[in-house]
Every structure is written in structure tokens, then in C-alpha cells.
N, C-alpha and C. Protein backbone atom coordinates (compact mmCIF):
# COMPACT_ATOMS: atom_id res chain seq x y z
N MET A 1 0.84 -1.19 0.00
CA MET A 1 0.00 0.00 0.00
C MET A 1 0.88 1.25 0.00
N THR A 2 0.62 2.19 -0.87
CA THR A 2 1.40 3.42 -0.92
C THR A 2 1.05 4.33 0.25
N ALA A 3 1.90 5.34 0.48
CA ALA A 3 1.62 6.29 1.57
C ALA A 3 0.30 7.03 1.35
N PRO A 4 -0.01 7.54 0.12
CA PRO A 4 -1.32 8.20 -0.03
C PRO A 4 -2.49 7.27 0.26
N ALA A 5 -2.39 6.01 -0.18
CA ALA A 5 -3.49 5.07 0.05
C ALA A 5 -3.69 4.80 1.53
N GLN A 6 -2.59 4.60 2.25
CA GLN A 6 -2.71 4.34 3.69
C GLN A 6 -3.21 5.58 4.43
N LEU A 7 -2.73 6.74 4.03
CA LEU A 7 -3.16 7.97 4.68
C LEU A 7 -4.66 8.18 4.46
N TYR A 8 -5.12 7.93 3.26
CA TYR A 8 -6.55 8.05 2.96
C TYR A 8 -7.35 7.08 3.82
N ALA A 9 -6.89 5.83 3.91
CA ALA A 9 -7.60 4.84 4.70
C ALA A 9 -7.68 5.25 6.16
N LEU A 10 -6.60 5.78 6.69
CA LEU A 10 -6.59 6.19 8.09
C LEU A 10 -7.54 7.37 8.32
N CYS A 11 -7.54 8.32 7.40
CA CYS A 11 -8.44 9.48 7.54
C CYS A 11 -9.90 9.05 7.41
N ALA A 12 -10.17 8.13 6.52
CA ALA A 12 -11.54 7.66 6.33
C ALA A 12 -12.02 6.84 7.51
N ALA A 13 -11.09 6.18 8.19
CA ALA A 13 -11.46 5.33 9.31
C ALA A 13 -11.90 6.13 10.52
N ALA A 14 -11.52 7.39 10.58
CA ALA A 14 -11.75 8.18 11.79
C ALA A 14 -13.22 8.26 12.17
N HIS A 15 -14.07 8.59 11.21
CA HIS A 15 -15.49 8.74 11.50
C HIS A 15 -16.35 8.00 10.49
N GLY A 16 -15.74 7.08 9.77
CA GLY A 16 -16.50 6.32 8.78
C GLY A 16 -16.76 7.07 7.50
N GLY A 17 -16.19 8.24 7.34
CA GLY A 17 -16.37 9.03 6.13
C GLY A 17 -15.07 9.73 5.79
N PHE A 18 -15.08 10.44 4.67
CA PHE A 18 -13.86 11.12 4.24
C PHE A 18 -14.21 12.48 3.67
N PRO A 19 -13.50 13.53 4.03
CA PRO A 19 -12.44 13.58 5.04
C PRO A 19 -13.02 13.66 6.45
N PRO A 20 -12.17 13.57 7.48
CA PRO A 20 -12.69 13.75 8.84
C PRO A 20 -13.39 15.10 8.96
N PRO A 21 -14.50 15.17 9.66
CA PRO A 21 -15.28 16.41 9.74
C PRO A 21 -14.45 17.60 10.21
N ARG A 22 -14.61 18.72 9.51
CA ARG A 22 -13.97 20.00 9.84
C ARG A 22 -12.45 19.94 9.81
N ARG A 23 -11.91 18.95 9.10
CA ARG A 23 -10.45 18.84 9.01
C ARG A 23 -10.02 18.67 7.56
N GLU A 24 -10.75 19.32 6.68
CA GLU A 24 -10.46 19.19 5.26
C GLU A 24 -9.09 19.75 4.90
N THR A 25 -8.74 20.90 5.46
CA THR A 25 -7.45 21.53 5.13
C THR A 25 -6.30 20.62 5.52
N GLU A 26 -6.32 20.12 6.76
CA GLU A 26 -5.25 19.26 7.24
C GLU A 26 -5.16 17.97 6.41
N THR A 27 -6.33 17.39 6.10
CA THR A 27 -6.34 16.15 5.32
C THR A 27 -5.78 16.39 3.92
N GLY A 28 -6.21 17.47 3.27
CA GLY A 28 -5.72 17.77 1.93
C GLY A 28 -4.22 17.99 1.91
N ARG A 29 -3.71 18.68 2.89
CA ARG A 29 -2.27 18.95 2.89
C ARG A 29 -1.46 17.70 3.23
N GLY A 30 -2.00 16.87 4.11
CA GLY A 30 -1.32 15.60 4.36
C GLY A 30 -1.24 14.75 3.11
N LEU A 31 -2.35 14.70 2.37
CA LEU A 31 -2.37 13.94 1.12
C LEU A 31 -1.47 14.57 0.06
N ALA A 32 -1.42 15.91 0.01
CA ALA A 32 -0.52 16.58 -0.95
C ALA A 32 0.93 16.23 -0.63
N GLY A 33 1.28 16.20 0.64
CA GLY A 33 2.63 15.79 1.03
C GLY A 33 2.91 14.36 0.62
N ALA A 34 1.90 13.49 0.77
CA ALA A 34 2.06 12.09 0.37
C ALA A 34 2.24 11.98 -1.15
N MET A 35 1.54 12.82 -1.90
CA MET A 35 1.69 12.81 -3.36
C MET A 35 3.08 13.30 -3.79
N LEU A 36 3.58 14.35 -3.13
CA LEU A 36 4.94 14.80 -3.44
C LEU A 36 5.94 13.69 -3.14
N LEU A 37 5.75 13.00 -2.02
CA LEU A 37 6.63 11.90 -1.68
C LEU A 37 6.56 10.81 -2.75
N GLN A 38 5.35 10.46 -3.19
CA GLN A 38 5.23 9.43 -4.23
C GLN A 38 5.91 9.87 -5.52
N GLY A 39 5.81 11.17 -5.83
CA GLY A 39 6.50 11.68 -7.01
C GLY A 39 8.00 11.52 -6.91
N ALA A 40 8.54 11.75 -5.70
CA ALA A 40 9.98 11.58 -5.49
C ALA A 40 10.37 10.11 -5.57
N LEU A 41 9.56 9.23 -4.96
CA LEU A 41 9.87 7.80 -4.98
C LEU A 41 9.76 7.22 -6.39
N ALA A 42 8.89 7.82 -7.21
CA ALA A 42 8.75 7.36 -8.61
C ALA A 42 9.83 7.94 -9.51
N GLY A 43 10.69 8.80 -8.95
CA GLY A 43 11.77 9.38 -9.73
C GLY A 43 11.38 10.59 -10.55
N ARG A 44 10.19 11.12 -10.30
CA ARG A 44 9.71 12.24 -11.12
C ARG A 44 9.97 13.61 -10.50
N LEU A 45 10.24 13.65 -9.20
CA LEU A 45 10.50 14.91 -8.53
C LEU A 45 11.79 14.82 -7.73
N ASP A 46 12.46 15.96 -7.63
CA ASP A 46 13.64 16.09 -6.78
C ASP A 46 13.23 16.95 -5.59
N LEU A 47 13.29 16.36 -4.39
CA LEU A 47 12.92 17.09 -3.17
C LEU A 47 14.15 17.43 -2.33
N HIS A 48 15.34 17.32 -2.89
CA HIS A 48 16.54 17.45 -2.07
C HIS A 48 16.88 18.89 -1.69
N GLY A 49 16.48 19.86 -2.47
CA GLY A 49 16.81 21.24 -2.15
C GLY A 49 15.65 21.96 -1.50
N ASP A 50 15.67 23.28 -1.59
CA ASP A 50 14.58 24.06 -1.02
C ASP A 50 13.49 24.33 -2.04
N ARG A 51 13.58 23.67 -3.19
CA ARG A 51 12.57 23.78 -4.23
C ARG A 51 12.22 22.38 -4.74
N VAL A 52 10.99 22.23 -5.21
CA VAL A 52 10.58 20.99 -5.85
C VAL A 52 10.87 21.13 -7.33
N ARG A 53 11.66 20.20 -7.85
CA ARG A 53 12.03 20.28 -9.26
C ARG A 53 11.68 18.98 -9.97
N PRO A 54 10.93 19.07 -11.08
CA PRO A 54 10.67 17.88 -11.88
C PRO A 54 11.96 17.35 -12.48
N THR A 55 12.06 16.04 -12.59
CA THR A 55 13.27 15.43 -13.15
C THR A 55 13.14 15.16 -14.64
N GLY A 56 11.91 15.15 -15.16
CA GLY A 56 11.70 14.84 -16.57
C GLY A 56 11.78 13.36 -16.88
N ARG A 57 11.80 12.54 -15.86
CA ARG A 57 11.86 11.09 -16.07
C ARG A 57 11.08 10.41 -14.95
N GLY A 58 11.17 9.11 -14.87
CA GLY A 58 10.53 8.37 -13.79
C GLY A 58 9.29 7.63 -14.23
N ARG A 59 8.70 6.91 -13.29
CA ARG A 59 7.56 6.03 -13.58
C ARG A 59 6.27 6.82 -13.68
N ARG A 60 5.46 6.44 -14.66
CA ARG A 60 4.12 6.99 -14.83
C ARG A 60 3.13 5.84 -14.84
N GLY A 61 1.84 6.17 -14.87
CA GLY A 61 0.84 5.11 -14.96
C GLY A 61 -0.17 5.12 -13.84
N ASP A 62 0.07 5.91 -12.78
CA ASP A 62 -0.92 6.07 -11.70
C ASP A 62 -1.71 7.33 -12.05
N PRO A 63 -2.98 7.20 -12.48
CA PRO A 63 -3.73 8.37 -12.96
C PRO A 63 -3.83 9.50 -11.94
N ALA A 64 -4.08 9.17 -10.66
CA ALA A 64 -4.21 10.22 -9.64
C ALA A 64 -2.88 10.94 -9.45
N LEU A 65 -1.79 10.18 -9.38
CA LEU A 65 -0.47 10.80 -9.21
C LEU A 65 -0.07 11.58 -10.46
N ASP A 66 -0.35 11.04 -11.65
CA ASP A 66 -0.03 11.74 -12.88
C ASP A 66 -0.73 13.09 -12.95
N ALA A 67 -2.02 13.12 -12.61
CA ALA A 67 -2.77 14.37 -12.66
C ALA A 67 -2.24 15.37 -11.63
N PHE A 68 -1.92 14.88 -10.44
CA PHE A 68 -1.38 15.75 -9.40
C PHE A 68 -0.04 16.35 -9.82
N LEU A 69 0.87 15.50 -10.31
CA LEU A 69 2.20 15.96 -10.65
C LEU A 69 2.23 16.83 -11.90
N ALA A 70 1.19 16.75 -12.72
CA ALA A 70 1.12 17.62 -13.90
C ALA A 70 1.16 19.10 -13.49
N HIS A 71 0.56 19.42 -12.34
CA HIS A 71 0.60 20.81 -11.85
C HIS A 71 2.05 21.25 -11.60
N VAL A 72 2.82 20.37 -10.99
CA VAL A 72 4.21 20.69 -10.66
C VAL A 72 5.07 20.72 -11.93
N GLU A 73 4.87 19.73 -12.77
CA GLU A 73 5.75 19.58 -13.94
C GLU A 73 5.51 20.64 -15.00
N THR A 74 4.34 21.26 -15.02
CA THR A 74 4.06 22.29 -16.03
C THR A 74 4.15 23.70 -15.47
N SER A 75 4.53 23.82 -14.21
CA SER A 75 4.63 25.15 -13.60
C SER A 75 5.81 25.91 -14.20
N PRO A 76 5.62 27.21 -14.48
CA PRO A 76 6.72 27.99 -15.05
C PRO A 76 7.78 28.37 -14.02
N ARG A 77 7.56 28.06 -12.73
CA ARG A 77 8.54 28.44 -11.72
C ARG A 77 8.68 27.36 -10.67
N ASP A 78 9.87 27.35 -10.07
CA ASP A 78 10.12 26.44 -8.96
C ASP A 78 9.45 26.99 -7.71
N ARG A 79 8.97 26.09 -6.88
CA ARG A 79 8.34 26.49 -5.62
C ARG A 79 8.87 25.61 -4.49
N ALA A 80 8.79 26.15 -3.28
CA ALA A 80 9.18 25.38 -2.11
C ALA A 80 8.19 24.23 -1.90
N PRO A 81 8.63 23.13 -1.29
CA PRO A 81 7.72 22.01 -1.03
C PRO A 81 6.48 22.44 -0.25
N SER A 82 6.64 23.30 0.76
CA SER A 82 5.48 23.73 1.55
C SER A 82 4.50 24.55 0.72
N ASP A 83 5.02 25.30 -0.26
CA ASP A 83 4.16 26.08 -1.15
C ASP A 83 3.31 25.14 -2.00
N TRP A 84 3.94 24.07 -2.53
CA TRP A 84 3.17 23.11 -3.33
C TRP A 84 2.13 22.39 -2.48
N VAL A 85 2.48 22.05 -1.25
CA VAL A 85 1.52 21.38 -0.36
C VAL A 85 0.31 22.27 -0.14
N GLU A 86 0.55 23.56 0.11
CA GLU A 86 -0.55 24.49 0.34
C GLU A 86 -1.39 24.67 -0.92
N ARG A 87 -0.75 24.86 -2.05
CA ARG A 87 -1.47 25.08 -3.31
C ARG A 87 -2.26 23.86 -3.76
N LEU A 88 -1.70 22.68 -3.56
CA LEU A 88 -2.30 21.47 -4.12
C LEU A 88 -3.08 20.64 -3.11
N GLY A 89 -3.21 21.14 -1.89
CA GLY A 89 -4.03 20.42 -0.91
C GLY A 89 -5.45 20.17 -1.39
N PRO A 90 -6.14 21.19 -1.93
CA PRO A 90 -7.51 20.95 -2.43
C PRO A 90 -7.55 19.93 -3.57
N ALA A 91 -6.55 19.95 -4.46
CA ALA A 91 -6.52 18.99 -5.57
C ALA A 91 -6.30 17.57 -5.04
N ALA A 92 -5.43 17.44 -4.03
CA ALA A 92 -5.19 16.12 -3.45
C ALA A 92 -6.44 15.60 -2.76
N LEU A 93 -7.17 16.49 -2.11
CA LEU A 93 -8.39 16.10 -1.41
C LEU A 93 -9.46 15.63 -2.39
N ALA A 94 -9.48 16.24 -3.59
CA ALA A 94 -10.51 15.91 -4.58
C ALA A 94 -10.09 14.82 -5.55
N ALA A 95 -8.83 14.35 -5.44
CA ALA A 95 -8.33 13.35 -6.39
C ALA A 95 -9.09 12.03 -6.26
N PRO A 96 -9.17 11.26 -7.33
CA PRO A 96 -9.79 9.93 -7.23
C PRO A 96 -9.11 9.12 -6.14
N ARG A 97 -9.90 8.44 -5.33
CA ARG A 97 -9.36 7.72 -4.19
C ARG A 97 -9.59 6.22 -4.33
N PRO A 98 -8.68 5.44 -3.78
CA PRO A 98 -8.87 3.99 -3.85
C PRO A 98 -10.07 3.57 -3.03
N GLY A 99 -10.63 2.41 -3.35
CA GLY A 99 -11.80 1.92 -2.65
C GLY A 99 -11.47 1.47 -1.24
N LEU A 100 -12.43 1.62 -0.35
CA LEU A 100 -12.28 1.14 1.01
C LEU A 100 -13.07 -0.14 1.19
N LEU A 101 -12.49 -1.08 1.89
CA LEU A 101 -13.19 -2.32 2.20
C LEU A 101 -13.60 -2.27 3.66
N PRO A 102 -14.82 -2.64 3.98
CA PRO A 102 -15.27 -2.57 5.37
C PRO A 102 -14.57 -3.59 6.24
N GLY A 103 -14.28 -3.20 7.46
CA GLY A 103 -13.76 -4.13 8.46
C GLY A 103 -12.57 -4.92 7.98
N SER A 104 -12.58 -6.20 8.28
CA SER A 104 -11.47 -7.07 7.89
C SER A 104 -11.91 -8.08 6.86
N ALA A 105 -13.04 -7.84 6.20
CA ALA A 105 -13.55 -8.80 5.21
C ALA A 105 -12.58 -8.92 4.05
N GLU A 106 -12.55 -10.09 3.45
CA GLU A 106 -11.73 -10.28 2.26
C GLU A 106 -12.33 -9.51 1.10
N PRO A 107 -11.48 -8.95 0.21
CA PRO A 107 -12.02 -8.21 -0.93
C PRO A 107 -12.76 -9.14 -1.87
N PRO A 108 -13.84 -8.66 -2.48
CA PRO A 108 -14.52 -9.47 -3.50
C PRO A 108 -13.54 -9.84 -4.60
N ARG A 109 -13.78 -10.96 -5.26
CA ARG A 109 -12.87 -11.45 -6.29
C ARG A 109 -12.61 -10.36 -7.35
N GLY A 110 -11.33 -10.14 -7.60
CA GLY A 110 -10.94 -9.20 -8.64
C GLY A 110 -11.04 -7.74 -8.24
N ARG A 111 -11.32 -7.45 -6.98
CA ARG A 111 -11.48 -6.05 -6.58
C ARG A 111 -10.43 -5.66 -5.55
N ALA A 112 -9.68 -4.62 -5.86
CA ALA A 112 -8.67 -4.14 -4.92
C ALA A 112 -9.32 -3.17 -3.96
N GLY A 113 -8.72 -3.03 -2.80
CA GLY A 113 -9.25 -2.08 -1.84
C GLY A 113 -8.36 -1.96 -0.63
N ILE A 114 -8.76 -1.11 0.30
CA ILE A 114 -7.99 -0.83 1.50
C ILE A 114 -8.89 -1.05 2.70
N ARG A 115 -8.38 -1.74 3.67
CA ARG A 115 -9.10 -1.91 4.93
C ARG A 115 -8.55 -0.91 5.94
N PRO A 116 -9.36 0.05 6.39
CA PRO A 116 -8.84 1.04 7.35
C PRO A 116 -8.22 0.41 8.58
N ALA A 117 -8.83 -0.64 9.12
CA ALA A 117 -8.28 -1.26 10.33
C ALA A 117 -6.90 -1.85 10.07
N GLU A 118 -6.71 -2.44 8.89
CA GLU A 118 -5.40 -3.00 8.55
C GLU A 118 -4.37 -1.89 8.35
N ALA A 119 -4.77 -0.79 7.71
CA ALA A 119 -3.86 0.35 7.55
C ALA A 119 -3.44 0.89 8.92
N LEU A 120 -4.39 0.98 9.84
CA LEU A 120 -4.09 1.47 11.19
C LEU A 120 -3.08 0.56 11.88
N ARG A 121 -3.29 -0.75 11.83
CA ARG A 121 -2.35 -1.69 12.46
C ARG A 121 -0.97 -1.59 11.81
N ARG A 122 -0.95 -1.50 10.49
CA ARG A 122 0.32 -1.47 9.78
C ARG A 122 1.12 -0.21 10.13
N VAL A 123 0.45 0.94 10.17
CA VAL A 123 1.16 2.18 10.47
C VAL A 123 1.65 2.18 11.91
N ARG A 124 0.81 1.77 12.85
CA ARG A 124 1.24 1.72 14.25
C ARG A 124 2.43 0.78 14.43
N ARG A 125 2.37 -0.40 13.83
CA ARG A 125 3.44 -1.38 13.96
C ARG A 125 4.73 -0.85 13.32
N SER A 126 4.61 -0.24 12.15
CA SER A 126 5.80 0.23 11.44
C SER A 126 6.47 1.39 12.15
N VAL A 127 5.69 2.26 12.77
CA VAL A 127 6.29 3.37 13.52
C VAL A 127 6.96 2.84 14.79
N ALA A 128 6.36 1.84 15.42
CA ALA A 128 6.95 1.27 16.64
C ALA A 128 8.21 0.48 16.33
N GLU A 129 8.23 -0.23 15.17
CA GLU A 129 9.37 -1.07 14.80
C GLU A 129 9.70 -0.86 13.32
N PRO A 130 10.27 0.30 12.97
CA PRO A 130 10.47 0.62 11.54
C PRO A 130 11.56 -0.24 10.91
N ASP A 131 11.37 -0.51 9.64
CA ASP A 131 12.41 -1.12 8.82
C ASP A 131 12.18 -0.66 7.38
N ARG A 132 13.09 -0.99 6.50
CA ARG A 132 13.01 -0.46 5.13
C ARG A 132 11.77 -0.92 4.38
N SER A 133 11.28 -2.10 4.70
CA SER A 133 10.11 -2.61 3.98
C SER A 133 8.84 -1.86 4.35
N ALA A 134 8.89 -1.08 5.42
CA ALA A 134 7.69 -0.39 5.90
C ALA A 134 7.73 1.10 5.59
N LEU A 135 8.52 1.52 4.62
CA LEU A 135 8.69 2.95 4.35
C LEU A 135 7.35 3.66 4.15
N HIS A 136 6.45 3.08 3.37
CA HIS A 136 5.18 3.75 3.09
C HIS A 136 4.32 3.89 4.35
N ALA A 137 4.35 2.88 5.20
CA ALA A 137 3.56 2.95 6.43
C ALA A 137 4.16 3.97 7.39
N VAL A 138 5.48 4.01 7.51
CA VAL A 138 6.12 5.03 8.34
C VAL A 138 5.81 6.42 7.79
N ALA A 139 5.85 6.56 6.46
CA ALA A 139 5.54 7.84 5.83
C ALA A 139 4.11 8.28 6.15
N ALA A 140 3.16 7.36 6.08
CA ALA A 140 1.77 7.71 6.39
C ALA A 140 1.66 8.21 7.82
N GLY A 141 2.37 7.56 8.75
CA GLY A 141 2.35 8.01 10.14
C GLY A 141 2.97 9.38 10.32
N ALA A 142 4.11 9.61 9.65
CA ALA A 142 4.78 10.91 9.76
C ALA A 142 3.93 12.02 9.17
N LEU A 143 3.24 11.75 8.07
CA LEU A 143 2.38 12.76 7.45
C LEU A 143 1.13 13.04 8.30
N LEU A 144 0.61 12.00 8.97
CA LEU A 144 -0.51 12.23 9.89
C LEU A 144 -0.09 13.18 11.00
N ALA A 145 1.07 12.90 11.59
CA ALA A 145 1.55 13.76 12.68
C ALA A 145 1.82 15.17 12.19
N ALA A 146 2.45 15.30 11.03
CA ALA A 146 2.78 16.63 10.49
C ALA A 146 1.55 17.45 10.18
N SER A 147 0.45 16.79 9.78
CA SER A 147 -0.76 17.51 9.42
C SER A 147 -1.69 17.73 10.61
N GLY A 148 -1.27 17.30 11.79
CA GLY A 148 -2.10 17.50 12.98
C GLY A 148 -3.23 16.50 13.10
N LEU A 149 -3.16 15.40 12.35
CA LEU A 149 -4.20 14.37 12.40
C LEU A 149 -3.72 13.15 13.19
N HIS A 150 -2.74 13.36 14.06
CA HIS A 150 -2.13 12.27 14.82
C HIS A 150 -3.13 11.49 15.65
N ASP A 151 -4.19 12.18 16.12
CA ASP A 151 -5.16 11.50 16.99
C ASP A 151 -5.95 10.42 16.25
N LEU A 152 -5.92 10.42 14.92
CA LEU A 152 -6.59 9.37 14.17
C LEU A 152 -5.88 8.03 14.36
N CYS A 153 -4.58 8.10 14.66
CA CYS A 153 -3.79 6.89 14.80
C CYS A 153 -3.33 6.67 16.25
N TRP A 154 -3.03 7.76 16.94
CA TRP A 154 -2.54 7.67 18.32
C TRP A 154 -3.34 8.63 19.20
N PRO A 155 -4.57 8.28 19.55
CA PRO A 155 -5.42 9.21 20.30
C PRO A 155 -4.87 9.58 21.68
N GLY A 156 -3.96 8.78 22.22
CA GLY A 156 -3.42 9.08 23.54
C GLY A 156 -2.20 9.98 23.52
N LEU A 157 -1.72 10.35 22.35
CA LEU A 157 -0.51 11.16 22.25
C LEU A 157 -0.84 12.59 21.85
N SER A 158 -0.02 13.52 22.33
CA SER A 158 -0.13 14.90 21.86
C SER A 158 0.52 14.98 20.47
N ARG A 159 0.32 16.12 19.82
CA ARG A 159 0.94 16.28 18.49
C ARG A 159 2.46 16.20 18.58
N ASP A 160 3.04 16.83 19.61
CA ASP A 160 4.49 16.79 19.76
C ASP A 160 4.98 15.38 20.01
N GLU A 161 4.27 14.63 20.85
CA GLU A 161 4.66 13.25 21.14
C GLU A 161 4.58 12.38 19.89
N ALA A 162 3.49 12.53 19.13
CA ALA A 162 3.34 11.76 17.90
C ALA A 162 4.43 12.13 16.90
N SER A 163 4.76 13.42 16.82
CA SER A 163 5.82 13.86 15.90
C SER A 163 7.15 13.24 16.28
N ARG A 164 7.45 13.21 17.58
CA ARG A 164 8.71 12.61 18.02
C ARG A 164 8.77 11.12 17.67
N GLU A 165 7.66 10.42 17.91
CA GLU A 165 7.63 8.98 17.62
C GLU A 165 7.81 8.71 16.12
N THR A 166 7.09 9.47 15.31
CA THR A 166 7.16 9.21 13.87
C THR A 166 8.50 9.66 13.29
N LEU A 167 9.06 10.75 13.77
CA LEU A 167 10.36 11.20 13.27
C LEU A 167 11.46 10.23 13.67
N ARG A 168 11.33 9.62 14.85
CA ARG A 168 12.29 8.58 15.26
C ARG A 168 12.24 7.41 14.27
N ALA A 169 11.02 7.04 13.88
CA ALA A 169 10.87 5.94 12.92
C ALA A 169 11.42 6.32 11.55
N VAL A 170 11.20 7.57 11.13
CA VAL A 170 11.74 8.03 9.85
C VAL A 170 13.27 7.99 9.88
N ALA A 171 13.86 8.43 10.99
CA ALA A 171 15.32 8.42 11.11
C ALA A 171 15.87 7.00 11.04
N ALA A 172 15.12 6.04 11.58
CA ALA A 172 15.56 4.64 11.56
C ALA A 172 15.61 4.07 10.15
N LEU A 173 14.93 4.72 9.19
CA LEU A 173 14.97 4.26 7.80
C LEU A 173 16.28 4.62 7.10
N GLY A 174 17.09 5.45 7.74
CA GLY A 174 18.35 5.87 7.14
C GLY A 174 18.10 6.78 5.95
N SER A 175 18.94 6.65 4.92
CA SER A 175 18.82 7.54 3.76
C SER A 175 17.48 7.37 3.05
N ALA A 176 16.83 6.20 3.16
CA ALA A 176 15.53 5.98 2.53
C ALA A 176 14.47 6.89 3.14
N GLY A 177 14.71 7.35 4.37
CA GLY A 177 13.73 8.19 5.05
C GLY A 177 13.85 9.67 4.72
N LEU A 178 14.88 10.08 4.00
CA LEU A 178 15.08 11.51 3.74
C LEU A 178 13.91 12.15 2.98
N PRO A 179 13.41 11.54 1.88
CA PRO A 179 12.26 12.17 1.23
C PRO A 179 11.01 12.19 2.10
N VAL A 180 10.87 11.20 2.98
CA VAL A 180 9.73 11.19 3.91
C VAL A 180 9.83 12.38 4.85
N ALA A 181 11.03 12.61 5.39
CA ALA A 181 11.23 13.74 6.30
C ALA A 181 10.95 15.06 5.60
N ARG A 182 11.38 15.19 4.35
CA ARG A 182 11.15 16.44 3.62
C ARG A 182 9.67 16.66 3.34
N ALA A 183 8.96 15.59 2.98
CA ALA A 183 7.53 15.73 2.72
C ALA A 183 6.77 16.09 4.00
N ALA A 184 7.12 15.44 5.11
CA ALA A 184 6.44 15.74 6.38
C ALA A 184 6.74 17.17 6.83
N THR A 185 7.97 17.61 6.66
CA THR A 185 8.34 18.98 7.01
C THR A 185 7.58 19.99 6.16
N ALA A 186 7.40 19.69 4.89
CA ALA A 186 6.64 20.58 4.00
C ALA A 186 5.20 20.72 4.47
N VAL A 187 4.60 19.62 4.88
CA VAL A 187 3.21 19.67 5.37
C VAL A 187 3.14 20.51 6.64
N SER A 188 4.04 20.26 7.57
CA SER A 188 4.05 21.00 8.83
C SER A 188 4.25 22.50 8.59
N HIS A 189 5.21 22.85 7.72
CA HIS A 189 5.47 24.26 7.43
C HIS A 189 4.29 24.92 6.73
N SER A 190 3.61 24.20 5.86
CA SER A 190 2.48 24.80 5.15
C SER A 190 1.37 25.17 6.13
N LEU A 191 1.14 24.32 7.10
CA LEU A 191 0.10 24.60 8.10
C LEU A 191 0.52 25.69 9.07
N SER A 192 1.80 25.70 9.44
CA SER A 192 2.30 26.76 10.33
C SER A 192 2.21 28.11 9.64
N GLY A 193 2.57 28.15 8.36
CA GLY A 193 2.48 29.41 7.61
C GLY A 193 1.07 29.91 7.50
N SER A 194 0.12 29.02 7.28
CA SER A 194 -1.29 29.42 7.20
C SER A 194 -1.79 29.95 8.51
N ALA A 195 -1.39 29.29 9.61
CA ALA A 195 -1.82 29.75 10.93
C ALA A 195 -1.26 31.13 11.23
N GLY A 196 0.01 31.36 10.81
CA GLY A 196 0.60 32.67 11.03
C GLY A 196 -0.11 33.76 10.23
N ALA A 197 -0.50 33.44 8.99
CA ALA A 197 -1.19 34.41 8.15
C ALA A 197 -2.56 34.77 8.74
N LEU A 198 -3.24 33.80 9.33
CA LEU A 198 -4.53 34.07 9.95
C LEU A 198 -4.38 34.89 11.22
N ALA A 199 -3.29 34.65 11.95
CA ALA A 199 -3.09 35.37 13.19
C ALA A 199 -2.68 36.82 12.94
N PHE A 200 -2.00 37.08 11.82
CA PHE A 200 -1.52 38.43 11.52
C PHE A 200 -1.97 38.82 10.14
N PRO A 201 -3.26 39.12 9.97
CA PRO A 201 -3.77 39.48 8.63
C PRO A 201 -3.18 40.78 8.13
N GLY A 202 -3.16 40.91 6.79
CA GLY A 202 -2.69 42.15 6.18
C GLY A 202 -1.21 42.15 6.01
């Protein structure tokens, strides 16, 4: 399961619907961060500097990711990762989403889907005991914490506590965790910038 798919499943699991009530902005930005991460993992984006830069190469074929990355790849200017997260949060929120399967039932024959309960277990386990095979699950957890949706996965933790736990797991991934850290930081900065703009209008 990719990071966007797991993040979507976790957000949908919160109240049985999507997005969680009154948390559209946070959900959209978390998903936008997940899409930027997927673009980097597919080789289509470079997130190493202070700007997001298309590489002109990499894997294609995921319609939702292709449509999302078209905004970045056709932009006449480079932008910071947090700027793209803020700008494309609504597009990520409205993007076609994978199907959800109720509970733990097996998927009908020939039908793919995501079980929110399984996504929740996978992300919690991967953050507690990270390894390279769990990169997408660790990423989903880090993006939840960065977007302030940590209570969907860890209701007993504060945002700071959840951030510390998920960043520890990202660090344990070594160099594979660097794009995850950059995507999570972009989400966090985009929300902090918006909060500052609301607090000091004009």
C-alpha cells in the first residue's frame, strides 16, 4: 500500500467518512505531502533542495499521481515544497481515491481495496518497529503527525509526542527516510504558515 493510500484509509477510518469532519485543510495537505513523496519515490520529482524540481523522467501510470504531478511539472517556476503542499491540498483532497473495504472482510474477487483497520495496524506497527520494507507505512504516520491528524492513529498522544515517535521511525529508515522527512516537514510548514497568516492578517 502506498503512503497516499494508507493515509486516505486512516483518515476515512476516523469517522466512517472522508475527510474527517472540519479537518479538510489538514487532510488535503497531508495527502498533498504524500503525493509529493510518491512523485519523489517514482523518480519524477527532486525534493533534495529548497525547491521541488521535476526530473523529466521516472515512472508513470498512476492516474491520480499523474494528474497531481502535472501541476508541478508544467509550472513555469520552482516552488518550495510547503508552497506546493498548500497550493495542491484541495486537488489532493478531490483526487480519485482507492476503494475502502469494510472491516477485515476479504475483498470481493478481482477487486482491490484498502481496509482502514489494517492500515491502522500497519502504520502503528511500522512506527513502533520501523524497517526499510515499511517505508510507506512510516511515511503515512509521519504525514498524519505533520498535518495534525495524529489522533486518528494515536489518540493518547499529543501532536508533539506523535511527531517525536514518527520522526524517530523516519530516522531509523536511514537515507531511505530523507524524502519522507522532507515531505512531512513541507506539510508542517504549510500549516504553520497558514496559521501565522490568519493570526496576523494584512
